[in-house]
C-alpha atoms as a PDB file:
ATOM      1  CA  MET A   1       0.000   0.000   0.000  1.00  0.00           C
ATOM      2  CA  ALA A   2       1.389   3.383  -0.992  1.00  0.00           C
ATOM      3  CA  LYS A   3       1.718   5.859   1.837  1.00  0.00           C
ATOM      4  CA  LEU A   4      -0.146   9.108   1.216  1.00  0.00           C
ATOM      5  CA  SER A   5       1.540  12.238   2.565  1.00  0.00           C
ATOM      6  CA  ASP A   6       0.053  15.668   3.133  1.00  0.00           C
ATOM      7  CA  SER A   7       1.473  16.781  -0.217  1.00  0.00           C
ATOM      8  CA  GLY A   8       0.233  13.915  -2.346  1.00  0.00           C
ATOM      9  CA  THR A   9      -2.906  12.257  -3.554  1.00  0.00           C
ATOM     10  CA  ARG A  10      -4.068   8.958  -4.887  1.00  0.00           C
ATOM     11  CA  LYS A  11      -6.506   9.028  -7.785  1.00  0.00           C
ATOM     12  CA  MET A  12      -8.559   6.222  -9.245  1.00  0.00           C
ATOM     13  CA  ALA A  13     -10.388   6.561 -12.531  1.00  0.00           C
ATOM     14  CA  PRO A  14     -13.454   4.388 -13.085  1.00  0.00           C
ATOM     15  CA  GLY A  15     -12.484   1.141 -14.742  1.00  0.00           C
ATOM     16  CA  SER A  16      -8.828   2.085 -15.239  1.00  0.00           C
ATOM     17  CA  GLY A  17      -7.340  -0.237 -12.634  1.00  0.00           C
ATOM     18  CA  ALA A  18      -4.332   2.078 -12.425  1.00  0.00           C
ATOM     19  CA  LYS A  19      -3.234   4.338  -9.597  1.00  0.00           C
ATOM     20  CA  THR A  20      -1.073   7.428 -10.062  1.00  0.00           C
ATOM     21  CA  ALA A  21       0.488   9.757  -7.529  1.00  0.00           C
ATOM     22  CA  GLU A  22       0.110  13.480  -8.052  1.00  0.00           C
ATOM     23  CA  VAL A  23       1.418  16.464  -6.143  1.00  0.00           C
ATOM     24  CA  VAL A  24      -1.308  19.030  -5.559  1.00  0.00           C
ATOM     25  CA  SER A  25      -0.490  22.697  -5.150  1.00  0.00           C
ATOM     26  CA  ASP A  26      -1.027  24.185  -1.719  1.00  0.00           C
ATOM     27  CA  SER A  27      -2.106  27.513  -3.179  1.00  0.00           C
ATOM     28  CA  ALA A  28      -5.666  28.584  -3.718  1.00  0.00           C
ATOM     29  CA  THR A  29      -6.957  29.574  -7.127  1.00  0.00           C
ATOM     30  CA  GLY A  30      -5.801  33.169  -6.871  1.00  0.00           C
ATOM     31  CA  GLY A  31      -7.306  36.402  -5.619  1.00  0.00           C
ATOM     32  CA  GLY A  32      -8.318  37.377  -2.135  1.00  0.00           C
ATOM     33  CA  PRO A  33     -11.409  36.341  -0.193  1.00  0.00           C
ATOM     34  CA  GLU A  34     -14.694  37.721  -1.473  1.00  0.00           C
ATOM     35  CA  LYS A  35     -17.088  39.904   0.473  1.00  0.00           C
ATOM     36  CA  ILE A  36     -20.012  37.797   1.618  1.00  0.00           C
ATOM     37  CA  VAL A  37     -23.449  38.030   3.162  1.00  0.00           C
ATOM     38  CA  SER A  38     -24.819  35.365   5.524  1.00  0.00           C
ATOM     39  CA  MET A  39     -28.318  34.600   6.794  1.00  0.00           C
ATOM     40  CA  HIS A  40     -30.864  32.108   8.068  1.00  0.00           C
ATOM     41  CA  ALA A  41     -32.286  29.776   5.411  1.00  0.00           C
ATOM     42  CA  ALA A  42     -35.326  27.500   5.279  1.00  0.00           C
ATOM     43  CA  TYR A  43     -36.687  25.174   2.625  1.00  0.00           C
ATOM     44  CA  LYS A  44     -39.406  22.598   2.221  1.00  0.00           C
ATOM     45  CA  SER A  45     -38.628  18.884   2.168  1.00  0.00           C
ATOM     46  CA  GLY A  46     -41.661  16.658   1.964  1.00  0.00           C
ATOM     47  CA  LYS A  47     -44.087  17.990   4.567  1.00  0.00           C
ATOM     48  CA  GLU A  48     -41.333  19.526   6.721  1.00  0.00           C
ATOM     49  CA  ILE A  49     -39.406  22.776   6.761  1.00  0.00           C
ATOM     50  CA  VAL A  50     -35.642  22.422   7.110  1.00  0.00           C
ATOM     51  CA  ASP A  51     -33.778  25.359   8.630  1.00  0.00           C
ATOM     52  CA  GLY A  52     -30.197  26.141   7.786  1.00  0.00           C
ATOM     53  CA  PHE A  53     -27.402  28.674   7.514  1.00  0.00           C
ATOM     54  CA  LEU A  54     -26.642  30.291   4.166  1.00  0.00           C
ATOM     55  CA  SER A  55     -23.613  32.294   3.078  1.00  0.00           C
ATOM     56  CA  ARG A  56     -22.774  33.646  -0.381  1.00  0.00           C
ATOM     57  CA  PRO A  57     -20.685  36.240  -2.207  1.00  0.00           C
ATOM     58  CA  TYR A  58     -22.220  39.681  -1.814  1.00  0.00           C
ATOM     59  CA  ASP A  59     -22.253  40.576  -5.521  1.00  0.00           C
ATOM     60  CA  GLY A  60     -25.155  38.181  -6.207  1.00  0.00           C
ATOM     61  CA  GLN A  61     -23.708  36.767  -9.424  1.00  0.00           C
ATOM     62  CA  ALA A  62     -24.568  33.163 -10.293  1.00  0.00           C
ATOM     63  CA  ARG A  63     -22.143  30.782  -8.599  1.00  0.00           C
ATOM     64  CA  ASN A  64     -21.630  27.073  -8.168  1.00  0.00           C
ATOM     65  CA  ALA A  65     -22.789  25.970  -4.735  1.00  0.00           C
ATOM     66  CA  ILE A  66     -21.863  23.649  -1.879  1.00  0.00           C
ATOM     67  CA  VAL A  67     -24.188  21.896   0.539  1.00  0.00           C
ATOM     68  CA  LEU A  68     -22.194  21.508   3.767  1.00  0.00           C
ATOM     69  CA  ILE A  69     -23.276  18.765   6.189  1.00  0.00           C
ATOM     70  CA  HIS A  70     -22.545  19.404   9.842  1.00  0.00           C
ATOM     71  CA  GLY A  71     -21.018  17.069  12.385  1.00  0.00           C
ATOM     72  CA  TYR A  72     -22.514  15.784  15.600  1.00  0.00           C
ATOM     73  CA  ARG A  73     -22.646  19.179  17.303  1.00  0.00           C
ATOM     74  CA  GLY A  74     -25.144  20.650  14.827  1.00  0.00           C
ATOM     75  CA  VAL A  75     -24.998  23.999  13.055  1.00  0.00           C
ATOM     76  CA  ASP A  76     -22.801  25.549  15.718  1.00  0.00           C
ATOM     77  CA  ASP A  77     -20.296  28.400  15.463  1.00  0.00           C
ATOM     78  CA  GLY A  78     -17.731  26.079  13.885  1.00  0.00           C
ATOM     79  CA  GLN A  79     -20.163  25.023  11.155  1.00  0.00           C
ATOM     80  CA  ARG A  80     -21.158  28.618  10.514  1.00  0.00           C
ATOM     81  CA  ALA A  81     -17.496  29.588  10.258  1.00  0.00           C
ATOM     82  CA  VAL A  82     -16.682  26.907   7.693  1.00  0.00           C
ATOM     83  CA  THR A  83     -19.808  27.848   5.696  1.00  0.00           C
ATOM     84  CA  ARG A  84     -18.587  31.440   5.580  1.00  0.00           C
ATOM     85  CA  ARG A  85     -15.094  30.227   4.731  1.00  0.00           C
ATOM     86  CA  PHE A  86     -16.191  28.570   1.497  1.00  0.00           C
ATOM     87  CA  ALA A  87     -18.506  31.428   0.576  1.00  0.00           C
ATOM     88  CA  LYS A  88     -15.445  33.688   0.737  1.00  0.00           C
ATOM     89  CA  GLN A  89     -13.842  31.332  -1.791  1.00  0.00           C
ATOM     90  CA  GLY A  90     -16.599  32.160  -4.272  1.00  0.00           C
ATOM     91  CA  PHE A  91     -19.312  29.540  -3.673  1.00  0.00           C
ATOM     92  CA  GLY A  92     -22.889  29.714  -2.554  1.00  0.00           C
ATOM     93  CA  ALA A  93     -22.747  27.752   0.706  1.00  0.00           C
ATOM     94  CA  LEU A  94     -25.669  26.178   2.564  1.00  0.00           C
ATOM     95  CA  SER A  95     -25.543  24.200   5.813  1.00  0.00           C
ATOM     96  CA  PRO A  96     -28.879  22.417   6.385  1.00  0.00           C
ATOM     97  CA  ASP A  97     -29.762  21.935  10.054  1.00  0.00           C
ATOM     98  CA  LEU A  98     -30.458  18.235  10.636  1.00  0.00           C
ATOM     99  CA  PHE A  99     -30.785  18.653  14.410  1.00  0.00           C
ATOM    100  CA  HIS A 100     -33.841  20.964  14.450  1.00  0.00           C
ATOM    101  CA  GLU A 101     -31.907  24.005  15.722  1.00  0.00           C
ATOM    102  CA  LYS A 102     -30.366  22.102  18.643  1.00  0.00           C
ATOM    103  CA  ILE A 103     -26.674  22.497  19.449  1.00  0.00           C
ATOM    104  CA  TYR A 104     -24.922  19.751  21.403  1.00  0.00           C
ATOM    105  CA  THR A 105     -21.794  20.494  23.421  1.00  0.00           C
ATOM    106  CA  THR A 106     -20.898  17.515  25.599  1.00  0.00           C
ATOM    107  CA  ARG A 107     -19.314  14.436  24.097  1.00  0.00           C
ATOM    108  CA  GLU A 108     -22.082  12.216  25.457  1.00  0.00           C
ATOM    109  CA  ALA A 109     -24.907  14.396  24.095  1.00  0.00           C
ATOM    110  CA  CYS A 110     -23.220  14.760  20.705  1.00  0.00           C
ATOM    111  CA  ALA A 111     -22.671  11.015  20.353  1.00  0.00           C
ATOM    112  CA  LEU A 112     -26.264  10.287  21.369  1.00  0.00           C
ATOM    113  CA  ALA A 113     -27.586  12.740  18.777  1.00  0.00           C
ATOM    114  CA  LYS A 114     -25.506  11.131  16.048  1.00  0.00           C
ATOM    115  CA  ALA A 115     -26.450   7.584  17.014  1.00  0.00           C
ATOM    116  CA  SER A 116     -30.142   8.538  17.165  1.00  0.00           C
ATOM    117  CA  LEU A 117     -30.287  10.236  13.776  1.00  0.00           C
ATOM    118  CA  ASP A 118     -32.699   8.801  11.201  1.00  0.00           C
ATOM    119  CA  ILE A 119     -30.230   8.412   8.334  1.00  0.00           C
ATOM    120  CA  PRO A 120     -32.714   7.988   5.430  1.00  0.00           C
ATOM    121  CA  TRP A 121     -34.607  11.049   6.707  1.00  0.00           C
ATOM    122  CA  ALA A 122     -31.402  13.098   6.913  1.00  0.00           C
ATOM    123  CA  VAL A 123     -30.303  12.053   3.423  1.00  0.00           C
ATOM    124  CA  GLU A 124     -33.676  13.114   2.016  1.00  0.00           C
ATOM    125  CA  LYS A 125     -33.279  16.557   3.595  1.00  0.00           C
ATOM    126  CA  ILE A 126     -29.771  16.887   2.166  1.00  0.00           C
ATOM    127  CA  VAL A 127     -30.849  15.936  -1.353  1.00  0.00           C
ATOM    128  CA  ASP A 128     -33.869  18.262  -1.233  1.00  0.00           C
ATOM    129  CA  SER A 129     -31.591  21.211  -0.440  1.00  0.00           C
ATOM    130  CA  VAL A 130     -30.461  21.235  -4.067  1.00  0.00           C
ATOM    131  CA  ALA A 131     -33.933  22.140  -5.358  1.00  0.00           C
ATOM    132  CA  TYR A 132     -33.958  25.042  -2.880  1.00  0.00           C
ATOM    133  CA  LEU A 133     -30.567  26.305  -4.050  1.00  0.00           C
ATOM    134  CA  ARG A 134     -31.738  26.197  -7.659  1.00  0.00           C
ATOM    135  CA  LYS A 135     -34.571  28.580  -6.785  1.00  0.00           C
ATOM    136  CA  LEU A 136     -32.051  31.177  -5.631  1.00  0.00           C
ATOM    137  CA  PRO A 137     -30.849  33.668  -8.269  1.00  0.00           C
ATOM    138  CA  PHE A 138     -27.198  33.344  -7.234  1.00  0.00           C
ATOM    139  CA  VAL A 139     -27.230  29.621  -8.113  1.00  0.00           C
ATOM    140  CA  GLY A 140     -30.073  29.063 -10.562  1.00  0.00           C
ATOM    141  CA  LYS A 141     -30.691  26.059 -12.781  1.00  0.00           C
ATOM    142  CA  LYS A 142     -27.407  26.011 -14.695  1.00  0.00           C
ATOM    143  CA  LYS A 143     -24.785  26.113 -11.947  1.00  0.00           C
ATOM    144  CA  LYS A 144     -23.477  22.922 -10.342  1.00  0.00           C
ATOM    145  CA  VAL A 145     -23.794  21.800  -6.738  1.00  0.00           C
ATOM    146  CA  ALA A 146     -21.314  19.809  -4.644  1.00  0.00           C
ATOM    147  CA  VAL A 147     -21.852  18.210  -1.252  1.00  0.00           C
ATOM    148  CA  MET A 148     -19.291  18.450   1.554  1.00  0.00           C
ATOM    149  CA  GLY A 149     -19.514  16.706   4.903  1.00  0.00           C
ATOM    150  CA  PHE A 150     -17.627  16.832   8.190  1.00  0.00           C
ATOM    151  CA  CYS A 151     -17.400  13.976  10.718  1.00  0.00           C
ATOM    152  CA  MET A 152     -20.950  12.597  10.905  1.00  0.00           C
ATOM    153  CA  GLY A 153     -21.742  14.760   7.897  1.00  0.00           C
ATOM    154  CA  GLY A 154     -18.989  13.089   5.884  1.00  0.00           C
ATOM    155  CA  GLY A 155     -20.818   9.784   6.092  1.00  0.00           C
ATOM    156  CA  LEU A 156     -24.145  11.458   5.322  1.00  0.00           C
ATOM    157  CA  ALA A 157     -22.582  13.103   2.269  1.00  0.00           C
ATOM    158  CA  LEU A 158     -21.546   9.653   0.999  1.00  0.00           C
ATOM    159  CA  TYR A 159     -25.097   8.382   1.443  1.00  0.00           C
ATOM    160  CA  ALA A 160     -26.458  11.428  -0.394  1.00  0.00           C
ATOM    161  CA  LEU A 161     -24.012  10.964  -3.279  1.00  0.00           C
ATOM    162  CA  ALA A 162     -25.096   7.336  -3.592  1.00  0.00           C
ATOM    163  CA  LYS A 163     -28.798   8.214  -3.487  1.00  0.00           C
ATOM    164  CA  SER A 164     -28.876  11.109  -5.938  1.00  0.00           C
ATOM    165  CA  SER A 165     -27.058  12.300  -9.054  1.00  0.00           C
ATOM    166  CA  CYS A 166     -27.898  15.943  -8.262  1.00  0.00           C
ATOM    167  CA  PHE A 167     -24.415  16.475  -6.806  1.00  0.00           C
ATOM    168  CA  SER A 168     -21.574  16.974  -9.271  1.00  0.00           C
ATOM    169  CA  ALA A 169     -18.802  16.397  -6.711  1.00  0.00           C
ATOM    170  CA  GLY A 170     -18.300  15.235  -3.137  1.00  0.00           C
ATOM    171  CA  VAL A 171     -15.799  16.482  -0.547  1.00  0.00           C
ATOM    172  CA  ILE A 172     -15.444  14.234   2.489  1.00  0.00           C
ATOM    173  CA  TYR A 173     -13.768  15.442   5.661  1.00  0.00           C
ATOM    174  CA  TYR A 174     -12.843  12.676   8.140  1.00  0.00           C
ATOM    175  CA  GLN A 175     -16.179  10.833   8.082  1.00  0.00           C
ATOM    176  CA  SER A 176     -17.066   9.331  11.465  1.00  0.00           C
ATOM    177  CA  LEU A 177     -20.236   7.717  10.140  1.00  0.00           C
ATOM    178  CA  PHE A 178     -19.212   4.746   8.017  1.00  0.00           C
ATOM    179  CA  PRO A 179     -21.665   3.456   5.379  1.00  0.00           C
ATOM    180  CA  ASP A 180     -21.638  -0.208   4.436  1.00  0.00           C
ATOM    181  CA  PRO A 181     -19.190  -0.578   1.507  1.00  0.00           C
ATOM    182  CA  GLU A 182     -22.079  -1.719  -0.684  1.00  0.00           C
ATOM    183  CA  GLU A 183     -23.620   1.747  -0.299  1.00  0.00           C
ATOM    184  CA  LEU A 184     -20.653   3.262  -2.157  1.00  0.00           C
ATOM    185  CA  ARG A 185     -21.358   1.317  -5.339  1.00  0.00           C
ATOM    186  CA  ASP A 186     -23.873   3.860  -6.661  1.00  0.00           C
ATOM    187  CA  ILE A 187     -21.705   6.958  -6.222  1.00  0.00           C
ATOM    188  CA  GLU A 188     -21.065   8.555  -9.618  1.00  0.00           C
ATOM    189  CA  ALA A 189     -19.506  11.897  -8.686  1.00  0.00           C
ATOM    190  CA  PRO A 190     -15.749  12.285  -8.100  1.00  0.00           C
ATOM    191  CA  LEU A 191     -14.580  12.511  -4.483  1.00  0.00           C
ATOM    192  CA  GLN A 192     -11.911  14.463  -2.658  1.00  0.00           C
ATOM    193  CA  CYS A 193     -11.251  13.208   0.889  1.00  0.00           C
ATOM    194  CA  HIS A 194      -9.273  14.752   3.777  1.00  0.00           C
ATOM    195  CA  TYR A 195      -7.926  13.135   6.971  1.00  0.00           C
ATOM    196  CA  GLY A 196      -5.527  13.877   9.811  1.00  0.00           C
ATOM    197  CA  THR A 197      -2.865  11.336  10.739  1.00  0.00           C
ATOM    198  CA  GLU A 198      -3.642  11.762  14.461  1.00  0.00           C
ATOM    199  CA  ASP A 199      -7.393  11.186  14.215  1.00  0.00           C
ATOM    200  CA  ALA A 200      -8.633   8.725  16.841  1.00  0.00           C
ATOM    201  CA  ASN A 201     -12.160   8.711  15.401  1.00  0.00           C
ATOM    202  CA  THR A 202     -11.455   8.210  11.701  1.00  0.00           C
ATOM    203  CA  THR A 203      -8.518   5.845  12.023  1.00  0.00           C
ATOM    204  CA  ALA A 204      -5.957   4.705   9.463  1.00  0.00           C
ATOM    205  CA  THR A 205      -7.741   1.336   9.328  1.00  0.00           C
ATOM    206  CA  GLU A 206     -11.074   3.005   8.538  1.00  0.00           C
ATOM    207  CA  ILE A 207      -9.442   5.105   5.819  1.00  0.00           C
ATOM    208  CA  GLU A 208      -7.805   2.052   4.271  1.00  0.00           C
ATOM    209  CA  MET A 209     -11.078   0.081   4.257  1.00  0.00           C
ATOM    210  CA  PHE A 210     -12.778   3.062   2.610  1.00  0.00           C
ATOM    211  CA  ARG A 211     -10.042   3.305  -0.016  1.00  0.00           C
ATOM    212  CA  GLU A 212     -10.306  -0.409  -0.753  1.00  0.00           C
ATOM    213  CA  SER A 213     -14.054  -0.080  -1.285  1.00  0.00           C
ATOM    214  CA  LEU A 214     -13.598   2.866  -3.654  1.00  0.00           C
ATOM    215  CA  ASP A 215     -11.018   0.861  -5.598  1.00  0.00           C
ATOM    216  CA  ARG A 216     -13.271  -2.178  -5.726  1.00  0.00           C
ATOM    217  CA  TYR A 217     -16.074  -0.174  -7.313  1.00  0.00           C
ATOM    218  CA  GLY A 218     -13.792   1.825  -9.611  1.00  0.00           C
ATOM    219  CA  LYS A 219     -14.576   5.245  -8.167  1.00  0.00           C
ATOM    220  CA  LYS A 220     -12.681   8.405  -9.021  1.00  0.00           C
ATOM    221  CA  TYR A 221     -11.221   9.887  -5.891  1.00  0.00           C
ATOM    222  CA  GLU A 222      -8.366  11.677  -4.145  1.00  0.00           C
ATOM    223  CA  ILE A 223      -7.239  11.035  -0.569  1.00  0.00           C
ATOM    224  CA  HIS A 224      -5.186  13.664   1.283  1.00  0.00           C
ATOM    225  CA  MET A 225      -3.490  13.062   4.616  1.00  0.00           C
ATOM    226  CA  TYR A 226      -2.396  15.887   6.946  1.00  0.00           C
ATOM    227  CA  GLU A 227       0.540  15.133   9.215  1.00  0.00           C
ATOM    228  CA  GLY A 228      -0.143  15.690  12.919  1.00  0.00           C
ATOM    229  CA  ALA A 229      -3.737  16.866  12.444  1.00  0.00           C
ATOM    230  CA  GLY A 230      -6.526  15.440  14.585  1.00  0.00           C
ATOM    231  CA  HIS A 231     -10.234  14.950  14.058  1.00  0.00           C
ATOM    232  CA  ALA A 232     -12.413  17.883  12.929  1.00  0.00           C
ATOM    233  CA  PHE A 233      -9.378  20.027  12.108  1.00  0.00           C
ATOM    234  CA  LEU A 234     -11.415  22.275   9.790  1.00  0.00           C
ATOM    235  CA  ASN A 235     -14.804  22.666  11.465  1.00  0.00           C
ATOM    236  CA  ASN A 236     -14.245  21.942  15.193  1.00  0.00           C
ATOM    237  CA  PRO A 237     -10.603  21.261  16.078  1.00  0.00           C
ATOM    238  CA  GLN A 238     -10.070  19.887  19.578  1.00  0.00           C
ATOM    239  CA  LYS A 239      -6.750  21.735  19.778  1.00  0.00           C
ATOM    240  CA  ASP A 240      -5.879  25.090  18.248  1.00  0.00           C
ATOM    241  CA  ASP A 241      -2.363  23.986  17.326  1.00  0.00           C
ATOM    242  CA  GLU A 242      -0.120  24.372  14.285  1.00  0.00           C
ATOM    243  CA  PRO A 243      -0.847  20.960  12.673  1.00  0.00           C
ATOM    244  CA  ASN A 244      -4.605  21.573  12.794  1.00  0.00           C
ATOM    245  CA  ARG A 245      -4.295  25.152  11.536  1.00  0.00           C
ATOM    246  CA  LYS A 246      -1.972  24.066   8.747  1.00  0.00           C
ATOM    247  CA  ALA A 247      -4.314  21.229   7.762  1.00  0.00           C
ATOM    248  CA  ALA A 248      -7.300  23.590   7.740  1.00  0.00           C
ATOM    249  CA  ASP A 249      -5.539  26.084   5.470  1.00  0.00           C
ATOM    250  CA  LYS A 250      -4.108  23.461   3.125  1.00  0.00           C
ATOM    251  CA  SER A 251      -7.336  21.523   2.825  1.00  0.00           C
ATOM    252  CA  THR A 252      -9.361  24.664   2.136  1.00  0.00           C
ATOM    253  CA  ALA A 253      -6.975  25.637  -0.665  1.00  0.00           C
ATOM    254  CA  ARG A 254      -7.032  22.143  -2.144  1.00  0.00           C
ATOM    255  CA  THR A 255     -10.781  21.826  -1.891  1.00  0.00           C
ATOM    256  CA  THR A 256     -11.326  25.241  -3.476  1.00  0.00           C
ATOM    257  CA  LYS A 257      -8.987  24.535  -6.380  1.00  0.00           C
ATOM    258  CA  TRP A 258     -10.430  21.065  -6.968  1.00  0.00           C
ATOM    259  CA  LEU A 259     -14.048  22.188  -6.806  1.00  0.00           C
ATOM    260  CA  LYS A 260     -13.507  25.115  -9.148  1.00  0.00           C
ATOM    261  CA  LYS A 261     -11.917  22.736 -11.644  1.00  0.00           C
ATOM    262  CA  THR A 262     -14.429  19.902 -11.157  1.00  0.00           C
ATOM    263  CA  LEU A 263     -17.527  22.105 -11.275  1.00  0.00           C
ATOM    264  CA  ALA A 264     -16.323  24.229 -14.203  1.00  0.00           C
END
């Protein structure tokens, strides 16, 4: 098994059977952060209304969009911050609230909320967010939509990608909800995945099993490892240290560059 460093990737093209290593630039796509506006959002899914947090470039021009799926804390300050972060990179960014406006703070309460979540219900709400984004003038019918998930949300993003073809790309950050490998078979969109080497929740064994499943089904993907970074280094780092900050900055730049290329 090839070791993946924080400056390399592994890609797999559908049906190719070949793996190639590629160095990915650490720089973003150029230009400074954009001015943004952020607000409460709400959309209909079935007979329910799903609340959320929306952030977008201020100029109102049509943009590609990202649906960001929160971790087991809910749409907390960390989730709002990462939503704003990608809006500043030039995307319409929506974080649906799958916890009905509840924020969990203790480890026990967070874990209980994650374990109690109705996964098919949550996936339906995630998929239905795309129709809402397409009603908004700064996304519209022609722009593309990606899904990005963190921790619990990383696993939910994989389920959503398998269920629906409405997403043109998937970005997975250290999923801590692990779908059955068979669920990955129906994913059609390319994936970019990010992990810290010091993550006790999304372990090296979990990452390797995930990679093997993607290879088995011939999926197109990249895996990036960040030396010394722990779990939730982008949305809710447990320690505000240099490895986590470096991983957050590098992964944001990589994700931005990859999404702008993939969604073009």
